[in-house]
């Protein structure tokens, strides 16, 4: 009886292993078929191809920044619109820090918001954001019609908007970089060009 129960037990273990391997393979196939999710471009908001507004704004550190003027460094700029009370914005700050390091050859990341300067200074200190230029301007967000946060706007070195969208994950932010690299407005547009359903 003991020998029979051991044999049955081993057969069950082998069957379970085969089932786990089959399920793992199926998950891999599903993962390959699912299109990547990109940043959500809103119908209302900045238009790709338009120039950044002709504003000259001061950062929290006191430096002057002309938005629509070309970058002498030749770098693109990613404007990250956030709020001091937005929990999703705060979860993306480590992503921005790593992106700034990884993409520094072609990109500068600029934080922007509105509200009380003191609140933003506290956020910079608490989250250690000194490496980023930080603009506090209600006018900038209004000019670009930013309605929901967190939102990003990518402009090339000439101040022309190349991509934008509502973001809430690392994948969404990276989709903006990918869209820029492929010369399209969004990952969704690229997938449509390739005949892949998003």
Protein backbone atom coordinates (compact mmCIF):
# COMPACT_ATOMS: atom_id res chain seq x y z
CA UNK A 1 0.00 0.00 0.00
CA UNK A 2 2.84 2.43 0.86
CA UNK A 3 4.59 1.72 -2.44
CA UNK A 4 1.37 2.33 -4.43
CA UNK A 5 0.69 5.64 -2.62
CA UNK A 6 4.29 6.79 -3.32
CA UNK A 7 3.95 5.95 -7.01
CA UNK A 8 0.60 7.82 -7.23
CA UNK A 9 2.13 10.80 -5.41
CA UNK A 10 5.08 10.95 -7.83
CA UNK A 11 2.76 10.72 -10.81
CA UNK A 12 0.76 13.67 -9.42
CA UNK A 13 3.97 15.70 -8.89
CA UNK A 14 5.08 15.06 -12.49
CA UNK A 15 1.61 16.00 -13.83
CA UNK A 16 1.63 19.21 -11.77
CA UNK A 17 5.09 20.12 -13.11
CA UNK A 18 3.90 19.61 -16.69
CA UNK A 19 0.82 21.79 -16.02
CA UNK A 20 2.97 24.58 -14.47
CA UNK A 21 5.34 24.53 -17.47
CA UNK A 22 2.38 24.68 -19.89
CA UNK A 23 0.81 27.61 -18.00
CA UNK A 24 4.15 29.46 -17.91
CA UNK A 25 4.42 29.07 -21.68
CA UNK A 26 0.87 30.37 -22.17
CA UNK A 27 1.57 33.43 -19.99
CA UNK A 28 4.66 34.14 -22.10
CA UNK A 29 2.61 33.91 -25.32
CA UNK A 30 -0.07 36.24 -23.91
CA UNK A 31 2.59 38.74 -22.84
CA UNK A 32 3.98 38.82 -26.39
CA UNK A 33 0.53 39.43 -27.88
CA UNK A 34 -0.44 42.32 -25.59
CA UNK A 35 0.59 45.68 -27.02
CA UNK A 36 2.44 48.06 -24.70
CA UNK A 37 0.40 50.75 -22.98
CA UNK A 38 1.54 54.24 -23.74
CA UNK A 39 0.92 57.63 -22.19
CA UNK A 40 -2.68 58.72 -22.71
CA UNK A 41 -2.81 61.70 -25.07
CA UNK A 42 -5.86 63.79 -24.23
CA UNK A 43 -7.97 65.42 -26.94
CA UNK A 44 -7.72 68.70 -25.04
CA UNK A 45 -4.21 69.92 -24.45
CA UNK A 46 -1.02 70.73 -26.32
CA UNK A 47 -0.81 69.96 -30.02
CA UNK A 48 2.12 68.01 -31.42
CA UNK A 49 4.08 70.25 -33.77
CA UNK A 50 3.10 73.47 -31.97
CA UNK A 51 5.68 75.69 -30.30
CA UNK A 52 5.88 75.96 -26.54
CA UNK A 53 4.31 79.21 -25.34
CA UNK A 54 6.57 82.26 -25.55
CA UNK A 55 7.03 82.57 -21.81
CA UNK A 56 10.07 83.52 -19.79
CA UNK A 57 9.78 81.90 -16.37
CA UNK A 58 11.97 81.73 -13.30
CA UNK A 59 12.83 78.41 -11.66
CA UNK A 60 12.78 77.92 -7.88
CA UNK A 61 16.57 78.25 -7.89
CA UNK A 62 16.28 81.70 -9.51
CA UNK A 63 17.38 80.83 -13.06
CA UNK A 64 15.49 82.31 -16.01
CA UNK A 65 14.06 79.89 -18.60
CA UNK A 66 12.76 80.95 -22.02
CA UNK A 67 10.40 78.18 -23.03
CA UNK A 68 9.92 78.66 -26.77
CA UNK A 69 13.56 79.58 -27.47
CA UNK A 70 15.82 76.83 -28.80
CA UNK A 71 18.15 75.01 -26.45
CA UNK A 72 21.80 75.90 -27.01
CA UNK A 73 22.68 72.46 -25.62
CA UNK A 74 20.67 70.81 -28.42
CA UNK A 75 18.75 68.74 -25.85
CA UNK A 76 15.05 68.04 -25.77
CA UNK A 77 13.06 68.95 -22.66
CA UNK A 78 10.49 66.88 -20.80
CA UNK A 79 8.12 69.01 -18.74
CA UNK A 80 6.59 66.98 -15.90
CA UNK A 81 3.43 68.63 -14.56
CA UNK A 82 2.76 67.64 -10.96
CA UNK A 83 1.05 68.68 -7.75
CA UNK A 84 2.38 68.58 -4.20
CA UNK A 85 -0.83 66.77 -3.15
CA UNK A 86 -0.82 64.16 -5.96
CA UNK A 87 0.25 60.70 -4.68
CA UNK A 88 0.80 59.31 -8.21
CA UNK A 89 3.10 62.25 -9.00
CA UNK A 90 5.22 61.41 -5.97
CA UNK A 91 5.49 57.73 -6.92
CA UNK A 92 6.90 58.78 -10.32
CA UNK A 93 9.66 61.00 -8.90
CA UNK A 94 12.16 58.08 -8.58
CA UNK A 95 11.37 57.19 -12.22
CA UNK A 96 12.22 60.75 -13.26
CA UNK A 97 15.49 60.62 -11.34
CA UNK A 98 16.58 57.41 -13.05
CA UNK A 99 15.35 58.70 -16.44
CA UNK A 100 17.35 61.92 -16.02
CA UNK A 101 20.49 59.84 -15.48
CA UNK A 102 19.76 57.34 -18.27
CA UNK A 103 18.63 59.89 -20.89
CA UNK A 104 20.91 62.81 -19.98
CA UNK A 105 22.69 62.83 -23.37
CA UNK A 106 19.61 64.07 -25.19
CA UNK A 107 17.11 65.13 -22.51
CA UNK A 108 16.59 67.62 -19.67
CA UNK A 109 13.67 67.01 -17.29
CA UNK A 110 11.90 70.05 -15.85
CA UNK A 111 9.31 69.86 -13.09
CA UNK A 112 6.44 72.31 -13.28
CA UNK A 113 3.35 73.10 -11.25
CA UNK A 114 1.31 75.93 -9.79
CA UNK A 115 0.33 76.95 -6.28
CA UNK A 116 2.32 78.25 -3.34
CA UNK A 117 6.08 78.43 -3.86
CA UNK A 118 6.66 77.39 -0.22
CA UNK A 119 4.84 74.08 -0.77
CA UNK A 120 7.03 73.29 -3.76
CA UNK A 121 10.20 74.21 -1.91
CA UNK A 122 9.19 71.75 0.84
CA UNK A 123 8.59 69.06 -1.80
CA UNK A 124 12.01 69.69 -3.38
CA UNK A 125 13.67 69.39 0.01
CA UNK A 126 11.70 66.31 1.14
CA UNK A 127 12.06 64.38 -2.13
CA UNK A 128 15.61 65.61 -2.90
CA UNK A 129 14.71 67.13 -6.28
CA UNK A 130 17.48 69.73 -6.42
CA UNK A 131 18.85 68.21 -9.66
CA UNK A 132 15.73 69.32 -11.58
CA UNK A 133 14.83 72.83 -12.72
CA UNK A 134 11.45 73.51 -11.07
CA UNK A 135 8.98 76.05 -12.48
CA UNK A 136 5.97 77.27 -10.51
CA UNK A 137 3.62 78.93 -12.99
CA UNK A 138 -0.14 78.72 -13.37
CA UNK A 139 0.13 80.47 -16.75
CA UNK A 140 2.32 77.74 -18.30
CA UNK A 141 -0.16 74.97 -17.46
CA UNK A 142 -3.07 77.10 -18.62
CA UNK A 143 -1.37 77.91 -21.97
CA UNK A 144 -0.88 74.18 -22.63
CA UNK A 145 -4.39 73.32 -21.33
CA UNK A 146 -3.12 70.78 -18.82
CA UNK A 147 -6.20 69.48 -17.01
CA UNK A 148 -5.13 66.24 -15.31
CA UNK A 149 -1.98 65.22 -13.49
CA UNK A 150 0.62 63.85 -13.72
CA UNK A 151 1.12 65.00 -17.31
CA UNK A 152 4.25 65.21 -19.47
CA UNK A 153 5.07 67.34 -22.49
CA UNK A 154 8.17 66.54 -24.56
CA UNK A 155 9.60 69.39 -26.63
CA UNK A 156 12.59 69.19 -28.96
CA UNK A 157 15.60 71.51 -28.75
CA UNK A 158 13.77 74.11 -30.88
CA UNK A 159 10.83 74.32 -28.45
CA UNK A 160 8.48 72.32 -30.69
CA UNK A 161 6.14 69.88 -28.92
CA UNK A 162 6.91 66.32 -30.06
CA UNK A 163 4.81 64.16 -27.67
CA UNK A 164 2.61 64.50 -24.60
CA UNK A 165 0.30 62.51 -22.40
CA UNK A 166 -1.16 61.63 -19.04
CA UNK A 167 1.21 59.27 -17.21
CA UNK A 168 0.94 57.08 -14.14
CA UNK A 169 3.73 54.52 -14.51
CA UNK A 170 7.32 54.07 -15.66
CA UNK A 171 6.00 52.39 -18.79
CA UNK A 172 3.99 55.49 -19.71
CA UNK A 173 6.98 57.80 -19.32
CA UNK A 174 9.19 55.47 -21.34
CA UNK A 175 6.52 55.35 -24.07
CA UNK A 176 7.05 59.11 -24.53
CA UNK A 177 10.78 58.48 -25.06
CA UNK A 178 9.99 55.63 -27.45
CA UNK A 179 7.57 57.79 -29.44
CA UNK A 180 10.26 60.49 -29.73
CA UNK A 181 12.83 57.94 -30.90
CA UNK A 182 10.48 56.55 -33.56
CA UNK A 183 9.35 60.00 -34.73
CA UNK A 184 5.67 59.52 -33.90
CA UNK A 185 3.24 61.36 -31.63
CA UNK A 186 2.49 58.34 -29.45
CA UNK A 187 3.09 54.61 -29.13
CA UNK A 188 -0.54 54.10 -30.16
CA UNK A 189 0.18 55.85 -33.48
CA UNK A 190 3.24 53.65 -34.03
CA UNK A 191 1.21 50.49 -33.33
CA UNK A 192 -1.45 51.63 -35.80
CA UNK A 193 1.24 52.16 -38.44
CA UNK A 194 2.49 48.63 -37.79
CA UNK A 195 -1.06 47.19 -37.96
CA UNK A 196 -1.01 46.11 -34.30
CA UNK A 197 -4.10 46.57 -32.17
CA UNK A 198 -3.44 48.57 -28.97
